[in-house]
PDB file of N, CA and C in Angstrom:
ATOM      1  N   UNK A   1       1.187 -23.935  13.611  1.00  0.00           N
ATOM      2  CA  UNK A   1      -0.235 -24.304  12.891  1.00  0.00           C
ATOM      3  C   UNK A   1       0.378 -25.718  12.177  1.00  0.00           C
ATOM      4  N   UNK A   2      -0.890 -26.251  11.794  1.00  0.00           N
ATOM      5  CA  UNK A   2      -0.572 -27.552  11.520  1.00  0.00           C
ATOM      6  C   UNK A   2      -0.363 -27.565   9.585  1.00  0.00           C
ATOM      7  N   UNK A   3       0.120 -28.420   9.096  1.00  0.00           N
ATOM      8  CA  UNK A   3       0.752 -28.614   7.621  1.00  0.00           C
ATOM      9  C   UNK A   3      -0.574 -27.999   7.178  1.00  0.00           C
ATOM     10  N   UNK A   4      -1.511 -28.439   6.980  1.00  0.00           N
ATOM     11  CA  UNK A   4      -2.790 -28.044   5.823  1.00  0.00           C
ATOM     12  C   UNK A   4      -3.209 -26.462   6.102  1.00  0.00           C
ATOM     13  N   UNK A   5      -3.072 -26.277   7.492  1.00  0.00           N
ATOM     14  CA  UNK A   5      -3.476 -24.592   7.832  1.00  0.00           C
ATOM     15  C   UNK A   5      -2.120 -23.581   6.724  1.00  0.00           C
ATOM     16  N   UNK A   6      -1.066 -24.052   6.730  1.00  0.00           N
ATOM     17  CA  UNK A   6       0.266 -23.597   6.405  1.00  0.00           C
ATOM     18  C   UNK A   6      -0.110 -23.441   4.508  1.00  0.00           C
ATOM     19  N   UNK A   7      -0.580 -24.678   4.172  1.00  0.00           N
ATOM     20  CA  UNK A   7      -0.515 -25.185   2.554  1.00  0.00           C
ATOM     21  C   UNK A   7      -2.044 -24.241   2.194  1.00  0.00           C
ATOM     22  N   UNK A   8      -2.999 -24.217   3.108  1.00  0.00           N
ATOM     23  CA  UNK A   8      -4.281 -23.562   2.846  1.00  0.00           C
ATOM     24  C   UNK A   8      -3.924 -21.817   2.456  1.00  0.00           C
ATOM     25  N   UNK A   9      -3.178 -21.221   3.863  1.00  0.00           N
ATOM     26  CA  UNK A   9      -2.771 -19.785   3.918  1.00  0.00           C
ATOM     27  C   UNK A   9      -1.929 -19.779   2.553  1.00  0.00           C
ATOM     28  N   UNK A  10      -1.286 -20.454   2.195  1.00  0.00           N
ATOM     29  CA  UNK A  10      -0.394 -19.922   0.950  1.00  0.00           C
ATOM     30  C   UNK A  10      -1.173 -20.203  -0.103  1.00  0.00           C
ATOM     31  N   UNK A  11      -2.322 -21.060  -0.374  1.00  0.00           N
ATOM     32  CA  UNK A  11      -3.118 -21.021  -1.144  1.00  0.00           C
ATOM     33  C   UNK A  11      -3.880 -19.485  -1.573  1.00  0.00           C
ATOM     34  N   UNK A  12      -4.208 -19.174  -0.415  1.00  0.00           N
ATOM     35  CA  UNK A  12      -5.423 -18.267  -0.150  1.00  0.00           C
ATOM     36  C   UNK A  12      -4.471 -17.174  -0.476  1.00  0.00           C
ATOM     37  N   UNK A  13      -3.318 -16.725  -0.332  1.00  0.00           N
ATOM     38  CA  UNK A  13      -2.574 -15.586  -0.050  1.00  0.00           C
ATOM     39  C   UNK A  13      -2.159 -15.733  -1.969  1.00  0.00           C
ATOM     40  N   UNK A  14      -1.692 -16.721  -2.156  1.00  0.00           N
ATOM     41  CA  UNK A  14      -1.395 -16.487  -4.010  1.00  0.00           C
ATOM     42  C   UNK A  14      -2.710 -16.358  -4.466  1.00  0.00           C
ATOM     43  N   UNK A  15      -4.054 -16.892  -4.539  1.00  0.00           N
ATOM     44  CA  UNK A  15      -5.073 -16.186  -5.033  1.00  0.00           C
ATOM     45  C   UNK A  15      -5.378 -14.740  -4.538  1.00  0.00           C
ATOM     46  N   UNK A  16      -5.170 -14.168  -3.703  1.00  0.00           N
ATOM     47  CA  UNK A  16      -5.500 -12.638  -3.131  1.00  0.00           C
ATOM     48  C   UNK A  16      -4.665 -12.224  -4.387  1.00  0.00           C
ATOM     49  N   UNK A  17      -3.383 -12.442  -3.919  1.00  0.00           N
ATOM     50  CA  UNK A  17      -2.248 -11.482  -5.076  1.00  0.00           C
ATOM     51  C   UNK A  17      -2.499 -11.617  -6.364  1.00  0.00           C
ATOM     52  N   UNK A  18      -3.004 -12.828  -6.969  1.00  0.00           N
ATOM     53  CA  UNK A  18      -3.405 -12.914  -8.560  1.00  0.00           C
ATOM     54  C   UNK A  18      -5.108 -12.017  -8.636  1.00  0.00           C
ATOM     55  N   UNK A  19      -5.964 -12.093  -7.606  1.00  0.00           N
ATOM     56  CA  UNK A  19      -6.894 -11.571  -7.419  1.00  0.00           C
ATOM     57  C   UNK A  19      -6.749  -9.806  -7.733  1.00  0.00           C
ATOM     58  N   UNK A  20      -5.768  -9.456  -6.639  1.00  0.00           N
ATOM     59  CA  UNK A  20      -5.624  -8.018  -6.763  1.00  0.00           C
ATOM     60  C   UNK A  20      -4.836  -7.190  -7.930  1.00  0.00           C
ATOM     61  N   UNK A  21      -3.877  -8.220  -7.907  1.00  0.00           N
ATOM     62  CA  UNK A  21      -3.346  -8.118  -9.713  1.00  0.00           C
ATOM     63  C   UNK A  21      -4.374  -7.639 -10.294  1.00  0.00           C
ATOM     64  N   UNK A  22      -5.374  -8.629 -10.862  1.00  0.00           N
ATOM     65  CA  UNK A  22      -6.107  -8.606 -12.034  1.00  0.00           C
ATOM     66  C   UNK A  22      -7.346  -7.288 -11.679  1.00  0.00           C
ATOM     67  N   UNK A  23      -7.844  -7.048 -10.651  1.00  0.00           N
ATOM     68  CA  UNK A  23      -8.397  -5.910 -10.381  1.00  0.00           C
ATOM     69  C   UNK A  23      -7.687  -4.640 -10.484  1.00  0.00           C
ATOM     70  N   UNK A  24      -6.407  -4.429 -10.164  1.00  0.00           N
ATOM     71  CA  UNK A  24      -5.427  -3.240 -10.666  1.00  0.00           C
ATOM     72  C   UNK A  24      -5.563  -3.089 -12.032  1.00  0.00           C
ATOM     73  N   UNK A  25      -5.093  -3.823 -12.829  1.00  0.00           N
ATOM     74  CA  UNK A  25      -4.952  -4.110 -13.954  1.00  0.00           C
ATOM     75  C   UNK A  25      -6.290  -3.315 -14.892  1.00  0.00           C
ATOM     76  N   UNK A  26      -7.724  -4.207 -14.222  1.00  0.00           N
ATOM     77  CA  UNK A  26      -8.950  -3.740 -14.709  1.00  0.00           C
ATOM     78  C   UNK A  26      -9.120  -2.256 -14.734  1.00  0.00           C
ATOM     79  N   UNK A  27      -8.745  -2.063 -13.712  1.00  0.00           N
ATOM     80  CA  UNK A  27      -8.996  -0.567 -12.816  1.00  0.00           C
ATOM     81  C   UNK A  27      -8.309   0.181 -14.234  1.00  0.00           C
ATOM     82  N   UNK A  28      -7.221   0.296 -14.451  1.00  0.00           N
ATOM     83  CA  UNK A  28      -6.542   1.026 -15.548  1.00  0.00           C
ATOM     84  C   UNK A  28      -6.786   0.732 -16.701  1.00  0.00           C
ATOM     85  N   UNK A  29      -7.148  -0.373 -17.303  1.00  0.00           N
ATOM     86  CA  UNK A  29      -7.951  -0.758 -18.185  1.00  0.00           C
ATOM     87  C   UNK A  29      -9.066   0.011 -18.740  1.00  0.00           C
ATOM     88  N   UNK A  30     -10.414   0.288 -17.581  1.00  0.00           N
ATOM     89  CA  UNK A  30     -11.437   0.974 -17.719  1.00  0.00           C
ATOM     90  C   UNK A  30     -11.122   2.119 -17.689  1.00  0.00           C
ATOM     91  N   UNK A  31      -9.818   2.728 -17.051  1.00  0.00           N
ATOM     92  CA  UNK A  31      -9.636   4.313 -17.243  1.00  0.00           C
ATOM     93  C   UNK A  31      -9.587   4.791 -18.423  1.00  0.00           C
ATOM     94  N   UNK A  32      -8.575   3.990 -19.129  1.00  0.00           N
ATOM     95  CA  UNK A  32      -8.064   4.055 -20.917  1.00  0.00           C
ATOM     96  C   UNK A  32      -8.917   4.018 -21.751  1.00  0.00           C
ATOM     97  N   UNK A  33      -9.909   2.930 -21.615  1.00  0.00           N
ATOM     98  CA  UNK A  33     -10.880   2.823 -22.864  1.00  0.00           C
ATOM     99  C   UNK A  33     -12.306   3.105 -22.484  1.00  0.00           C
ATOM    100  N   UNK A  34     -12.566   3.563 -21.459  1.00  0.00           N
ATOM    101  CA  UNK A  34     -13.779   3.843 -20.840  1.00  0.00           C
ATOM    102  C   UNK A  34     -13.981   5.238 -20.589  1.00  0.00           C
ATOM    103  N   UNK A  35     -12.940   5.645 -19.443  1.00  0.00           N
ATOM    104  CA  UNK A  35     -13.039   6.818 -18.855  1.00  0.00           C
ATOM    105  C   UNK A  35     -12.544   7.876 -20.131  1.00  0.00           C
ATOM    106  N   UNK A  36     -11.495   7.979 -20.671  1.00  0.00           N
ATOM    107  CA  UNK A  36     -10.662   8.844 -20.963  1.00  0.00           C
ATOM    108  C   UNK A  36     -11.244   9.259 -22.309  1.00  0.00           C
ATOM    109  N   UNK A  37     -11.957   8.270 -23.249  1.00  0.00           N
ATOM    110  CA  UNK A  37     -12.701   9.114 -24.483  1.00  0.00           C
ATOM    111  C   UNK A  37     -13.920   9.842 -23.929  1.00  0.00           C
ATOM    112  N   UNK A  38     -14.577   9.809 -23.027  1.00  0.00           N
ATOM    113  CA  UNK A  38     -15.734  10.509 -22.380  1.00  0.00           C
ATOM    114  C   UNK A  38     -15.392  11.421 -21.467  1.00  0.00           C
ATOM    115  N   UNK A  39     -14.468  11.798 -21.368  1.00  0.00           N
ATOM    116  CA  UNK A  39     -14.616  13.112 -20.091  1.00  0.00           C
ATOM    117  C   UNK A  39     -13.424  13.926 -20.402  1.00  0.00           C
ATOM    118  N   UNK A  40     -13.687  14.728 -19.298  1.00  0.00           N
ATOM    119  CA  UNK A  40     -12.444  16.166 -19.437  1.00  0.00           C
ATOM    120  C   UNK A  40     -11.321  15.833 -18.826  1.00  0.00           C
ATOM    121  N   UNK A  41     -10.336  16.753 -18.962  1.00  0.00           N
ATOM    122  CA  UNK A  41      -9.012  16.274 -18.293  1.00  0.00           C
ATOM    123  C   UNK A  41      -9.072  15.995 -16.778  1.00  0.00           C
ATOM    124  N   UNK A  42      -9.867  16.893 -16.183  1.00  0.00           N
ATOM    125  CA  UNK A  42     -10.398  17.348 -14.489  1.00  0.00           C
ATOM    126  C   UNK A  42     -10.433  15.955 -14.048  1.00  0.00           C
ATOM    127  N   UNK A  43     -11.549  14.945 -14.503  1.00  0.00           N
ATOM    128  CA  UNK A  43     -11.936  14.116 -14.148  1.00  0.00           C
ATOM    129  C   UNK A  43     -11.110  12.660 -14.466  1.00  0.00           C
ATOM    130  N   UNK A  44     -10.255  12.983 -15.468  1.00  0.00           N
ATOM    131  CA  UNK A  44      -9.545  11.762 -15.993  1.00  0.00           C
ATOM    132  C   UNK A  44      -8.276  11.978 -14.648  1.00  0.00           C
ATOM    133  N   UNK A  45      -7.913  13.309 -14.454  1.00  0.00           N
ATOM    134  CA  UNK A  45      -6.923  13.263 -12.926  1.00  0.00           C
ATOM    135  C   UNK A  45      -7.313  12.564 -11.701  1.00  0.00           C
ATOM    136  N   UNK A  46      -8.759  12.813 -11.566  1.00  0.00           N
ATOM    137  CA  UNK A  46      -9.369  12.581 -10.408  1.00  0.00           C
ATOM    138  C   UNK A  46      -9.280  11.058 -10.239  1.00  0.00           C
ATOM    139  N   UNK A  47      -9.951  10.600 -11.479  1.00  0.00           N
ATOM    140  CA  UNK A  47      -9.642   8.946 -11.426  1.00  0.00           C
ATOM    141  C   UNK A  47      -8.604   8.158 -10.956  1.00  0.00           C
ATOM    142  N   UNK A  48      -7.527   9.018 -12.181  1.00  0.00           N
ATOM    143  CA  UNK A  48      -6.217   8.400 -11.755  1.00  0.00           C
ATOM    144  C   UNK A  48      -5.783   8.541 -10.250  1.00  0.00           C
ATOM    145  N   UNK A  49      -6.081   9.480  -9.362  1.00  0.00           N
ATOM    146  CA  UNK A  49      -5.653   9.815  -8.218  1.00  0.00           C
ATOM    147  C   UNK A  49      -6.210   8.560  -7.562  1.00  0.00           C
ATOM    148  N   UNK A  50      -7.678   8.415  -7.845  1.00  0.00           N
ATOM    149  CA  UNK A  50      -8.299   7.422  -7.001  1.00  0.00           C
ATOM    150  C   UNK A  50      -8.072   6.071  -7.124  1.00  0.00           C
ATOM    151  N   UNK A  51      -7.460   5.717  -8.569  1.00  0.00           N
ATOM    152  CA  UNK A  51      -6.953   4.440  -8.624  1.00  0.00           C
ATOM    153  C   UNK A  51      -5.618   4.185  -8.097  1.00  0.00           C
ATOM    154  N   UNK A  52      -4.573   5.180  -7.966  1.00  0.00           N
ATOM    155  CA  UNK A  52      -3.578   5.173  -7.148  1.00  0.00           C
ATOM    156  C   UNK A  52      -3.473   5.203  -6.051  1.00  0.00           C
ATOM    157  N   UNK A  53      -4.672   5.831  -5.135  1.00  0.00           N
ATOM    158  CA  UNK A  53      -4.968   5.465  -3.938  1.00  0.00           C
ATOM    159  C   UNK A  53      -5.342   3.976  -3.749  1.00  0.00           C
ATOM    160  N   UNK A  54      -6.284   3.825  -4.192  1.00  0.00           N
ATOM    161  CA  UNK A  54      -6.823   2.349  -4.251  1.00  0.00           C
ATOM    162  C   UNK A  54      -5.473   1.132  -4.252  1.00  0.00           C
ATOM    163  N   UNK A  55      -4.895   1.160  -5.432  1.00  0.00           N
ATOM    164  CA  UNK A  55      -3.517   0.471  -5.561  1.00  0.00           C
ATOM    165  C   UNK A  55      -2.881   0.444  -4.272  1.00  0.00           C
ATOM    166  N   UNK A  56      -2.296   1.484  -3.571  1.00  0.00           N
ATOM    167  CA  UNK A  56      -1.396   1.659  -2.210  1.00  0.00           C
ATOM    168  C   UNK A  56      -2.057   1.256  -1.256  1.00  0.00           C
ATOM    169  N   UNK A  57      -3.703   1.357  -1.163  1.00  0.00           N
ATOM    170  CA  UNK A  57      -4.425   0.785  -0.007  1.00  0.00           C
ATOM    171  C   UNK A  57      -4.551  -0.854  -0.047  1.00  0.00           C
ATOM    172  N   UNK A  58      -4.547  -0.968  -1.233  1.00  0.00           N
ATOM    173  CA  UNK A  58      -4.536  -2.560  -1.532  1.00  0.00           C
ATOM    174  C   UNK A  58      -3.445  -3.200  -1.090  1.00  0.00           C
ATOM    175  N   UNK A  59      -2.411  -3.011  -1.609  1.00  0.00           N
ATOM    176  CA  UNK A  59      -1.088  -3.639  -1.489  1.00  0.00           C
ATOM    177  C   UNK A  59      -0.321  -3.385   0.036  1.00  0.00           C
ATOM    178  N   UNK A  60      -1.060  -2.488   0.926  1.00  0.00           N
ATOM    179  CA  UNK A  60      -0.612  -2.488   2.162  1.00  0.00           C
ATOM    180  C   UNK A  60      -1.683  -3.301   2.862  1.00  0.00           C
ATOM    181  N   UNK A  61      -2.815  -3.130   2.284  1.00  0.00           N
ATOM    182  CA  UNK A  61      -3.839  -4.190   3.261  1.00  0.00           C
ATOM    183  C   UNK A  61      -3.190  -5.683   2.837  1.00  0.00           C
ATOM    184  N   UNK A  62      -2.911  -5.971   1.783  1.00  0.00           N
ATOM    185  CA  UNK A  62      -2.231  -7.237   1.690  1.00  0.00           C
ATOM    186  C   UNK A  62      -0.920  -7.447   2.030  1.00  0.00           C
ATOM    187  N   UNK A  63       0.078  -6.753   2.239  1.00  0.00           N
ATOM    188  CA  UNK A  63       1.113  -6.655   3.321  1.00  0.00           C
ATOM    189  C   UNK A  63       1.016  -7.272   4.620  1.00  0.00           C
ATOM    190  N   UNK A  64       0.076  -6.137   4.933  1.00  0.00           N
ATOM    191  CA  UNK A  64      -0.176  -6.781   6.499  1.00  0.00           C
ATOM    192  C   UNK A  64      -0.786  -8.006   6.972  1.00  0.00           C
ATOM    193  N   UNK A  65      -1.837  -8.354   6.111  1.00  0.00           N
ATOM    194  CA  UNK A  65      -2.377  -9.398   6.220  1.00  0.00           C
ATOM    195  C   UNK A  65      -1.203 -10.631   5.901  1.00  0.00           C
ATOM    196  N   UNK A  66      -0.123 -10.626   4.974  1.00  0.00           N
ATOM    197  CA  UNK A  66       0.949 -11.418   5.167  1.00  0.00           C
ATOM    198  C   UNK A  66       1.658 -11.389   6.295  1.00  0.00           C
ATOM    199  N   UNK A  67       1.961 -10.293   6.649  1.00  0.00           N
ATOM    200  CA  UNK A  67       2.992 -10.061   7.825  1.00  0.00           C
ATOM    201  C   UNK A  67       2.452 -10.874   9.023  1.00  0.00           C
ATOM    202  N   UNK A  68       1.060 -10.850   9.190  1.00  0.00           N
ATOM    203  CA  UNK A  68       0.417 -11.468  10.502  1.00  0.00           C
ATOM    204  C   UNK A  68       0.418 -12.898  10.118  1.00  0.00           C
ATOM    205  N   UNK A  69       0.029 -13.441   8.785  1.00  0.00           N
ATOM    206  CA  UNK A  69       0.052 -14.946   8.547  1.00  0.00           C
ATOM    207  C   UNK A  69       1.259 -15.322   9.020  1.00  0.00           C
ATOM    208  N   UNK A  70       2.553 -14.584   8.624  1.00  0.00           N
ATOM    209  CA  UNK A  70       3.703 -15.014   8.980  1.00  0.00           C
ATOM    210  C   UNK A  70       4.160 -15.266  10.414  1.00  0.00           C
ATOM    211  N   UNK A  71       3.708 -14.211  10.883  1.00  0.00           N
ATOM    212  CA  UNK A  71       4.032 -14.509  12.692  1.00  0.00           C
ATOM    213  C   UNK A  71       3.123 -15.494  13.113  1.00  0.00           C
ATOM    214  N   UNK A  72       2.067 -15.887  12.475  1.00  0.00           N
ATOM    215  CA  UNK A  72       1.419 -16.789  12.942  1.00  0.00           C
ATOM    216  C   UNK A  72       2.119 -18.174  12.737  1.00  0.00           C
ATOM    217  N   UNK A  73       3.027 -18.233  11.335  1.00  0.00           N
ATOM    218  CA  UNK A  73       3.408 -19.370  11.128  1.00  0.00           C
ATOM    219  C   UNK A  73       4.575 -19.688  11.819  1.00  0.00           C
ATOM    220  N   UNK A  74       5.236 -18.732  11.926  1.00  0.00           N
ATOM    221  CA  UNK A  74       6.525 -18.898  12.828  1.00  0.00           C
ATOM    222  C   UNK A  74       6.204 -18.909  14.613  1.00  0.00           C
ATOM    223  N   UNK A  75       5.150 -18.612  14.839  1.00  0.00           N
ATOM    224  CA  UNK A  75       4.706 -18.831  16.156  1.00  0.00           C
ATOM    225  C   UNK A  75       4.291 -20.241  16.579  1.00  0.00           C
ATOM    226  N   UNK A  76       3.768 -20.873  15.684  1.00  0.00           N
ATOM    227  CA  UNK A  76       3.542 -22.255  15.615  1.00  0.00           C
ATOM    228  C   UNK A  76       2.415 -22.459  16.446  1.00  0.00           C
ATOM    229  N   UNK A  77       2.328 -23.549  17.289  1.00  0.00           N
ATOM    230  CA  UNK A  77       1.687 -24.214  18.127  1.00  0.00           C
ATOM    231  C   UNK A  77       1.475 -23.418  19.634  1.00  0.00           C
ATOM    232  N   UNK A  78       2.570 -22.598  19.662  1.00  0.00           N
ATOM    233  CA  UNK A  78       2.742 -22.041  21.125  1.00  0.00           C
ATOM    234  C   UNK A  78       1.778 -21.508  21.449  1.00  0.00           C
ATOM    235  N   UNK A  79       1.377 -21.376  22.630  1.00  0.00           N
ATOM    236  CA  UNK A  79       0.193 -20.573  23.828  1.00  0.00           C
ATOM    237  C   UNK A  79       0.908 -19.344  23.833  1.00  0.00           C
ATOM    238  N   UNK A  80      -0.044 -18.365  23.980  1.00  0.00           N
ATOM    239  CA  UNK A  80       0.320 -17.101  24.368  1.00  0.00           C
ATOM    240  C   UNK A  80       0.387 -16.955  26.010  1.00  0.00           C
ATOM    241  N   UNK A  81       1.226 -15.819  26.444  1.00  0.00           N
ATOM    242  CA  UNK A  81       1.136 -15.816  28.149  1.00  0.00           C
ATOM    243  C   UNK A  81       2.373 -16.963  28.551  1.00  0.00           C
TER     244      UNK A  81
END
């Protein structure tokens, strides 16, 4: 990989991490101040499970993309095969 591609990749992954953390925090703030006061316990439990599943899938997706980027970084400019 060229130097500008590595720098751009690092900047993009940093931005993605910050964005995902903000989405995660926003989801829990919505749960606390919008959903909890206006709903039943069953609905709150369902929403909490959805948020947890969302956060796990979000971080797994991020880590897989990061692993692929690191593999490309280490591979460098080598051709396949």
